[in-house]
Amino acid sequence: MKTEIKHADKCTTIFVSGSVDALTAAELGKNVAAQIAGEHVNLIMDLSGLEFMSSAGLRTLLGAVKETRSHGGDLRIVSTNPGIDKVLKMSGFHNIAKVFTSQAEAAASFE
């Protein structure tokens, strides 16, 4: 798994590529926690480069939603990979967090 973080005026984007599974989910969780600790609580998790996500990845996303909301922010998800989107839909994640097909739409939702 690889992550890249970009800060903008209203939100911070964490670009995630590769695989999020039992071996890498904790690292993603630490990246999210570091952003929240730095008072970047409006997060976009861009999963466009993600190839695989296990249930450990879903738990990390759920934890990110809870943490951002408990600090007055929120989490948006960008998903363009049909396989990842299917996992998000099957797990009911579309009912928990807003999922977008583009970075621009996700960022605009914070305005």
C-alpha atoms as a PDB file:
ATOM      1  CA  MET A   1       0.000   0.000   0.000  1.00  0.00           C
ATOM      2  CA  LYS A   2       1.117   3.512  -0.776  1.00  0.00           C
ATOM      3  CA  THR A   3      -0.440   6.747   0.455  1.00  0.00           C
ATOM      4  CA  GLU A   4      -0.031  10.346  -0.628  1.00  0.00           C
ATOM      5  CA  ILE A   5      -1.526  13.264   1.284  1.00  0.00           C
ATOM      6  CA  LYS A   6      -2.536  16.598  -0.196  1.00  0.00           C
ATOM      7  CA  HIS A   7      -3.946  19.529   1.761  1.00  0.00           C
ATOM      8  CA  ALA A   8      -6.415  22.011   0.290  1.00  0.00           C
ATOM      9  CA  ASP A   9      -8.394  24.876   1.803  1.00  0.00           C
ATOM     10  CA  LYS A  10     -11.447  22.952   2.988  1.00  0.00           C
ATOM     11  CA  CYS A  11     -10.231  19.355   3.044  1.00  0.00           C
ATOM     12  CA  THR A  12      -7.314  16.952   3.007  1.00  0.00           C
ATOM     13  CA  THR A  13      -7.083  14.090   0.546  1.00  0.00           C
ATOM     14  CA  ILE A  14      -5.406  10.782   1.285  1.00  0.00           C
ATOM     15  CA  PHE A  15      -4.707   8.972  -1.984  1.00  0.00           C
ATOM     16  CA  VAL A  16      -4.455   5.228  -1.398  1.00  0.00           C
ATOM     17  CA  SER A  17      -3.022   2.770  -3.914  1.00  0.00           C
ATOM     18  CA  GLY A  18      -2.143  -0.904  -3.863  1.00  0.00           C
ATOM     19  CA  SER A  19      -3.861  -3.121  -1.292  1.00  0.00           C
ATOM     20  CA  VAL A  20      -5.392  -2.435   2.100  1.00  0.00           C
ATOM     21  CA  ASP A  21      -5.493  -5.657   4.067  1.00  0.00           C
ATOM     22  CA  ALA A  22      -4.585  -7.033   7.484  1.00  0.00           C
ATOM     23  CA  LEU A  23      -0.921  -6.166   6.868  1.00  0.00           C
ATOM     24  CA  THR A  24      -1.418  -2.561   5.755  1.00  0.00           C
ATOM     25  CA  ALA A  25      -4.659  -1.365   7.394  1.00  0.00           C
ATOM     26  CA  ALA A  26      -2.894  -0.245  10.581  1.00  0.00           C
ATOM     27  CA  GLU A  27      -0.566   1.998   8.565  1.00  0.00           C
ATOM     28  CA  LEU A  28      -3.560   3.620   6.853  1.00  0.00           C
ATOM     29  CA  GLY A  29      -5.181   4.117  10.256  1.00  0.00           C
ATOM     30  CA  LYS A  30      -2.036   5.874  11.495  1.00  0.00           C
ATOM     31  CA  ASN A  31      -2.094   8.196   8.478  1.00  0.00           C
ATOM     32  CA  VAL A  32      -5.716   9.103   9.220  1.00  0.00           C
ATOM     33  CA  ALA A  33      -4.976   9.631  12.925  1.00  0.00           C
ATOM     34  CA  ALA A  34      -2.040  11.905  12.077  1.00  0.00           C
ATOM     35  CA  GLN A  35      -4.260  14.082   9.888  1.00  0.00           C
ATOM     36  CA  ILE A  36      -6.916  14.354  12.585  1.00  0.00           C
ATOM     37  CA  ALA A  37      -4.256  15.176  15.186  1.00  0.00           C
ATOM     38  CA  GLY A  38      -3.111  17.968  12.854  1.00  0.00           C
ATOM     39  CA  GLU A  39      -6.689  19.292  12.853  1.00  0.00           C
ATOM     40  CA  HIS A  40      -7.366  18.130   9.295  1.00  0.00           C
ATOM     41  CA  VAL A  41     -10.779  16.626  10.031  1.00  0.00           C
ATOM     42  CA  ASN A  42     -12.480  16.972   6.640  1.00  0.00           C
ATOM     43  CA  LEU A  43     -10.892  14.058   4.831  1.00  0.00           C
ATOM     44  CA  ILE A  44     -11.277  12.568   1.394  1.00  0.00           C
ATOM     45  CA  MET A  45     -10.055   9.011   1.027  1.00  0.00           C
ATOM     46  CA  ASP A  46      -9.318   8.594  -2.683  1.00  0.00           C
ATOM     47  CA  LEU A  47      -9.375   4.869  -3.405  1.00  0.00           C
ATOM     48  CA  SER A  48      -9.074   5.253  -7.192  1.00  0.00           C
ATOM     49  CA  GLY A  49      -5.647   3.591  -7.157  1.00  0.00           C
ATOM     50  CA  LEU A  50      -6.685   0.799  -4.821  1.00  0.00           C
ATOM     51  CA  GLU A  51      -6.566  -2.714  -6.249  1.00  0.00           C
ATOM     52  CA  PHE A  52      -7.778  -4.714  -3.231  1.00  0.00           C
ATOM     53  CA  MET A  53      -9.424  -4.034   0.113  1.00  0.00           C
ATOM     54  CA  SER A  54     -10.161  -6.622   2.781  1.00  0.00           C
ATOM     55  CA  SER A  55     -12.465  -6.399   5.764  1.00  0.00           C
ATOM     56  CA  ALA A  56      -9.528  -4.897   7.687  1.00  0.00           C
ATOM     57  CA  GLY A  57      -9.581  -2.017   5.209  1.00  0.00           C
ATOM     58  CA  LEU A  58     -13.309  -1.558   5.700  1.00  0.00           C
ATOM     59  CA  ARG A  59     -12.798  -1.434   9.474  1.00  0.00           C
ATOM     60  CA  THR A  60     -10.132   1.231   8.980  1.00  0.00           C
ATOM     61  CA  LEU A  61     -12.503   3.303   6.847  1.00  0.00           C
ATOM     62  CA  LEU A  62     -15.246   2.934   9.447  1.00  0.00           C
ATOM     63  CA  GLY A  63     -12.836   4.055  12.165  1.00  0.00           C
ATOM     64  CA  ALA A  64     -11.883   7.056  10.029  1.00  0.00           C
ATOM     65  CA  VAL A  65     -15.543   8.033   9.650  1.00  0.00           C
ATOM     66  CA  LYS A  66     -16.105   7.821  13.401  1.00  0.00           C
ATOM     67  CA  GLU A  67     -12.930   9.752  14.267  1.00  0.00           C
ATOM     68  CA  THR A  68     -13.451  12.576  11.781  1.00  0.00           C
ATOM     69  CA  ARG A  69     -17.059  13.010  12.893  1.00  0.00           C
ATOM     70  CA  SER A  70     -16.143  12.980  16.570  1.00  0.00           C
ATOM     71  CA  HIS A  71     -13.756  15.874  15.842  1.00  0.00           C
ATOM     72  CA  GLY A  72     -16.339  17.932  13.931  1.00  0.00           C
ATOM     73  CA  GLY A  73     -15.372  16.802  10.436  1.00  0.00           C
ATOM     74  CA  ASP A  74     -16.338  14.037   8.047  1.00  0.00           C
ATOM     75  CA  LEU A  75     -14.931  11.519   5.591  1.00  0.00           C
ATOM     76  CA  ARG A  76     -15.737  11.341   1.883  1.00  0.00           C
ATOM     77  CA  ILE A  77     -14.668   8.457  -0.330  1.00  0.00           C
ATOM     78  CA  VAL A  78     -13.681   8.554  -3.997  1.00  0.00           C
ATOM     79  CA  SER A  79     -13.966   5.203  -5.734  1.00  0.00           C
ATOM     80  CA  THR A  80     -13.596   4.574  -9.465  1.00  0.00           C
ATOM     81  CA  ASN A  81     -12.549   0.914  -9.313  1.00  0.00           C
ATOM     82  CA  PRO A  82     -15.626  -1.284  -9.948  1.00  0.00           C
ATOM     83  CA  GLY A  83     -14.260  -4.023  -7.671  1.00  0.00           C
ATOM     84  CA  ILE A  84     -13.676  -1.668  -4.741  1.00  0.00           C
ATOM     85  CA  ASP A  85     -17.023   0.024  -5.322  1.00  0.00           C
ATOM     86  CA  LYS A  86     -18.722  -3.385  -5.208  1.00  0.00           C
ATOM     87  CA  VAL A  87     -17.072  -4.112  -1.835  1.00  0.00           C
ATOM     88  CA  LEU A  88     -18.230  -0.727  -0.507  1.00  0.00           C
ATOM     89  CA  LYS A  89     -21.803  -1.344  -1.698  1.00  0.00           C
ATOM     90  CA  MET A  90     -21.981  -4.935  -0.444  1.00  0.00           C
ATOM     91  CA  SER A  91     -20.767  -3.880   2.990  1.00  0.00           C
ATOM     92  CA  GLY A  92     -23.310  -1.055   3.157  1.00  0.00           C
ATOM     93  CA  PHE A  93     -20.608   1.600   3.269  1.00  0.00           C
ATOM     94  CA  HIS A  94     -22.595   3.831   0.905  1.00  0.00           C
ATOM     95  CA  ASN A  95     -25.068   4.229   3.785  1.00  0.00           C
ATOM     96  CA  ILE A  96     -22.328   5.236   6.231  1.00  0.00           C
ATOM     97  CA  ALA A  97     -20.221   7.672   4.208  1.00  0.00           C
ATOM     98  CA  LYS A  98     -20.700   9.632   1.016  1.00  0.00           C
ATOM     99  CA  VAL A  99     -19.031   7.952  -1.949  1.00  0.00           C
ATOM    100  CA  PHE A 100     -18.145   9.909  -5.088  1.00  0.00           C
ATOM    101  CA  THR A 101     -16.703   9.049  -8.477  1.00  0.00           C
ATOM    102  CA  SER A 102     -14.449  12.115  -8.674  1.00  0.00           C
ATOM    103  CA  GLN A 103     -12.121  14.069  -6.458  1.00  0.00           C
ATOM    104  CA  ALA A 104     -13.767  17.357  -7.481  1.00  0.00           C
ATOM    105  CA  GLU A 105     -17.246  16.184  -6.449  1.00  0.00           C
ATOM    106  CA  ALA A 106     -15.970  14.941  -3.091  1.00  0.00           C
ATOM    107  CA  ALA A 107     -14.151  18.221  -2.394  1.00  0.00           C
ATOM    108  CA  ALA A 108     -17.182  20.300  -3.446  1.00  0.00           C
ATOM    109  CA  SER A 109     -19.339  18.403  -0.959  1.00  0.00           C
ATOM    110  CA  PHE A 110     -17.463  20.077   1.898  1.00  0.00           C
ATOM    111  CA  GLU A 111     -18.485  23.575   0.784  1.00  0.00           C
END
